[in-house]
Amino acid sequence: MAYWYPYVGYGVFWIAFIVSIILFAVKRKFYPIMYLISISLYIFTVAFLEVFKFGKNGTLLILAFSSIVMIGLGLYLTKKFKS
């Protein structure tokens, strides 16, 4: 395992956390934070592919699953906050 993987993970987490606080303070809406969580999840997953040792299909399945989860969560929260 490469020594820089934890630094990438912590870096992506803290950058996304700070940007999400700024986005919420400026826009007062929750959906930009969901987009940011989705983007940081993709970056995190792609950066750690060597650690997980997935094949091509495993990587695609993880990315597809995370897309479905984020789309579903976004739709659910959109309906919840509109009502």
C-alpha atoms as a PDB file:
ATOM      1  CA  MET A   1       0.000   0.000   0.000  1.00  0.00           C
ATOM      2  CA  ALA A   2       1.343   3.395  -0.929  1.00  0.00           C
ATOM      3  CA  TYR A   3       2.055   5.816   1.866  1.00  0.00           C
ATOM      4  CA  TRP A   4       0.074   8.671   0.283  1.00  0.00           C
ATOM      5  CA  TYR A   5      -3.384   6.999   0.224  1.00  0.00           C
ATOM      6  CA  PRO A   6      -4.422   8.216   3.684  1.00  0.00           C
ATOM      7  CA  TYR A   7      -3.356  11.747   2.795  1.00  0.00           C
ATOM      8  CA  VAL A   8      -5.533  11.712  -0.318  1.00  0.00           C
ATOM      9  CA  GLY A   9      -8.480  10.442   1.700  1.00  0.00           C
ATOM     10  CA  TYR A  10      -8.104  13.020   4.448  1.00  0.00           C
ATOM     11  CA  GLY A  11      -7.437  15.770   1.903  1.00  0.00           C
ATOM     12  CA  VAL A  12     -10.572  14.991  -0.094  1.00  0.00           C
ATOM     13  CA  PHE A  13     -12.631  14.773   3.096  1.00  0.00           C
ATOM     14  CA  TRP A  14     -11.477  18.091   4.568  1.00  0.00           C
ATOM     15  CA  ILE A  15     -11.672  20.003   1.297  1.00  0.00           C
ATOM     16  CA  ALA A  16     -15.196  18.693   0.684  1.00  0.00           C
ATOM     17  CA  PHE A  17     -16.186  19.455   4.274  1.00  0.00           C
ATOM     18  CA  ILE A  18     -14.969  23.061   4.117  1.00  0.00           C
ATOM     19  CA  VAL A  19     -16.494  23.673   0.691  1.00  0.00           C
ATOM     20  CA  SER A  20     -19.823  22.195   1.820  1.00  0.00           C
ATOM     21  CA  ILE A  21     -19.933  24.547   4.818  1.00  0.00           C
ATOM     22  CA  ILE A  22     -19.234  27.505   2.533  1.00  0.00           C
ATOM     23  CA  LEU A  23     -21.857  26.375  -0.003  1.00  0.00           C
ATOM     24  CA  PHE A  24     -24.503  25.949   2.676  1.00  0.00           C
ATOM     25  CA  ALA A  25     -23.675  29.335   4.219  1.00  0.00           C
ATOM     26  CA  VAL A  26     -23.932  31.099   0.863  1.00  0.00           C
ATOM     27  CA  LYS A  27     -26.866  29.307  -0.792  1.00  0.00           C
ATOM     28  CA  ARG A  28     -28.822  27.997   2.233  1.00  0.00           C
ATOM     29  CA  LYS A  29     -29.757  24.918   0.195  1.00  0.00           C
ATOM     30  CA  PHE A  30     -28.871  21.321   0.801  1.00  0.00           C
ATOM     31  CA  TYR A  31     -28.615  19.962  -2.756  1.00  0.00           C
ATOM     32  CA  PRO A  32     -25.188  21.514  -3.551  1.00  0.00           C
ATOM     33  CA  ILE A  33     -23.825  19.615  -0.567  1.00  0.00           C
ATOM     34  CA  MET A  34     -25.179  16.369  -2.006  1.00  0.00           C
ATOM     35  CA  TYR A  35     -23.411  17.086  -5.295  1.00  0.00           C
ATOM     36  CA  LEU A  36     -20.203  17.742  -3.399  1.00  0.00           C
ATOM     37  CA  ILE A  37     -20.546  14.507  -1.431  1.00  0.00           C
ATOM     38  CA  SER A  38     -21.047  12.607  -4.671  1.00  0.00           C
ATOM     39  CA  ILE A  39     -18.013  14.185  -6.330  1.00  0.00           C
ATOM     40  CA  SER A  40     -15.785  13.581  -3.309  1.00  0.00           C
ATOM     41  CA  LEU A  41     -16.975   9.967  -3.135  1.00  0.00           C
ATOM     42  CA  TYR A  42     -15.938   9.447  -6.754  1.00  0.00           C
ATOM     43  CA  ILE A  43     -12.533  11.027  -6.159  1.00  0.00           C
ATOM     44  CA  PHE A  44     -12.049   8.923  -3.040  1.00  0.00           C
ATOM     45  CA  THR A  45     -13.050   5.717  -4.831  1.00  0.00           C
ATOM     46  CA  VAL A  46     -10.843   6.355  -7.847  1.00  0.00           C
ATOM     47  CA  ALA A  47      -7.869   7.245  -5.645  1.00  0.00           C
ATOM     48  CA  PHE A  48      -8.226   4.042  -3.627  1.00  0.00           C
ATOM     49  CA  LEU A  49      -8.811   1.563  -6.445  1.00  0.00           C
ATOM     50  CA  GLU A  50      -5.399  -0.007  -5.972  1.00  0.00           C
ATOM     51  CA  VAL A  51      -6.062  -0.593  -2.288  1.00  0.00           C
ATOM     52  CA  PHE A  52      -9.363  -2.373  -2.906  1.00  0.00           C
ATOM     53  CA  LYS A  53      -7.941  -4.453  -5.790  1.00  0.00           C
ATOM     54  CA  PHE A  54     -11.205  -4.606  -7.713  1.00  0.00           C
ATOM     55  CA  GLY A  55     -11.296  -5.743 -11.285  1.00  0.00           C
ATOM     56  CA  LYS A  56     -12.805  -3.640 -14.053  1.00  0.00           C
ATOM     57  CA  ASN A  57     -16.314  -4.849 -13.313  1.00  0.00           C
ATOM     58  CA  GLY A  58     -15.941  -4.295  -9.580  1.00  0.00           C
ATOM     59  CA  THR A  59     -14.912  -0.694 -10.115  1.00  0.00           C
ATOM     60  CA  LEU A  60     -17.798  -0.050 -12.480  1.00  0.00           C
ATOM     61  CA  LEU A  61     -20.245  -1.684 -10.073  1.00  0.00           C
ATOM     62  CA  ILE A  62     -19.051   0.462  -7.171  1.00  0.00           C
ATOM     63  CA  LEU A  63     -19.309   3.657  -9.231  1.00  0.00           C
ATOM     64  CA  ALA A  64     -22.757   2.668 -10.522  1.00  0.00           C
ATOM     65  CA  PHE A  65     -23.939   1.773  -7.022  1.00  0.00           C
ATOM     66  CA  SER A  66     -22.729   5.067  -5.577  1.00  0.00           C
ATOM     67  CA  SER A  67     -24.449   6.932  -8.430  1.00  0.00           C
ATOM     68  CA  ILE A  68     -27.720   5.156  -7.735  1.00  0.00           C
ATOM     69  CA  VAL A  69     -27.451   5.845  -4.008  1.00  0.00           C
ATOM     70  CA  MET A  70     -26.710   9.541  -4.532  1.00  0.00           C
ATOM     71  CA  ILE A  71     -29.468   9.968  -7.133  1.00  0.00           C
ATOM     72  CA  GLY A  72     -31.974   8.230  -4.868  1.00  0.00           C
ATOM     73  CA  LEU A  73     -30.907  10.251  -1.854  1.00  0.00           C
ATOM     74  CA  GLY A  74     -31.103  13.455  -3.883  1.00  0.00           C
ATOM     75  CA  LEU A  75     -34.599  12.670  -5.115  1.00  0.00           C
ATOM     76  CA  TYR A  76     -35.765  11.713  -1.628  1.00  0.00           C
ATOM     77  CA  LEU A  77     -34.362  14.871  -0.049  1.00  0.00           C
ATOM     78  CA  THR A  78     -35.787  17.034  -2.838  1.00  0.00           C
ATOM     79  CA  LYS A  79     -39.269  15.658  -2.203  1.00  0.00           C
ATOM     80  CA  LYS A  80     -38.827  15.940   1.555  1.00  0.00           C
ATOM     81  CA  PHE A  81     -37.705  19.576   1.509  1.00  0.00           C
ATOM     82  CA  LYS A  82     -40.316  20.681  -1.055  1.00  0.00           C
ATOM     83  CA  SER A  83     -43.186  19.552   1.175  1.00  0.00           C
END
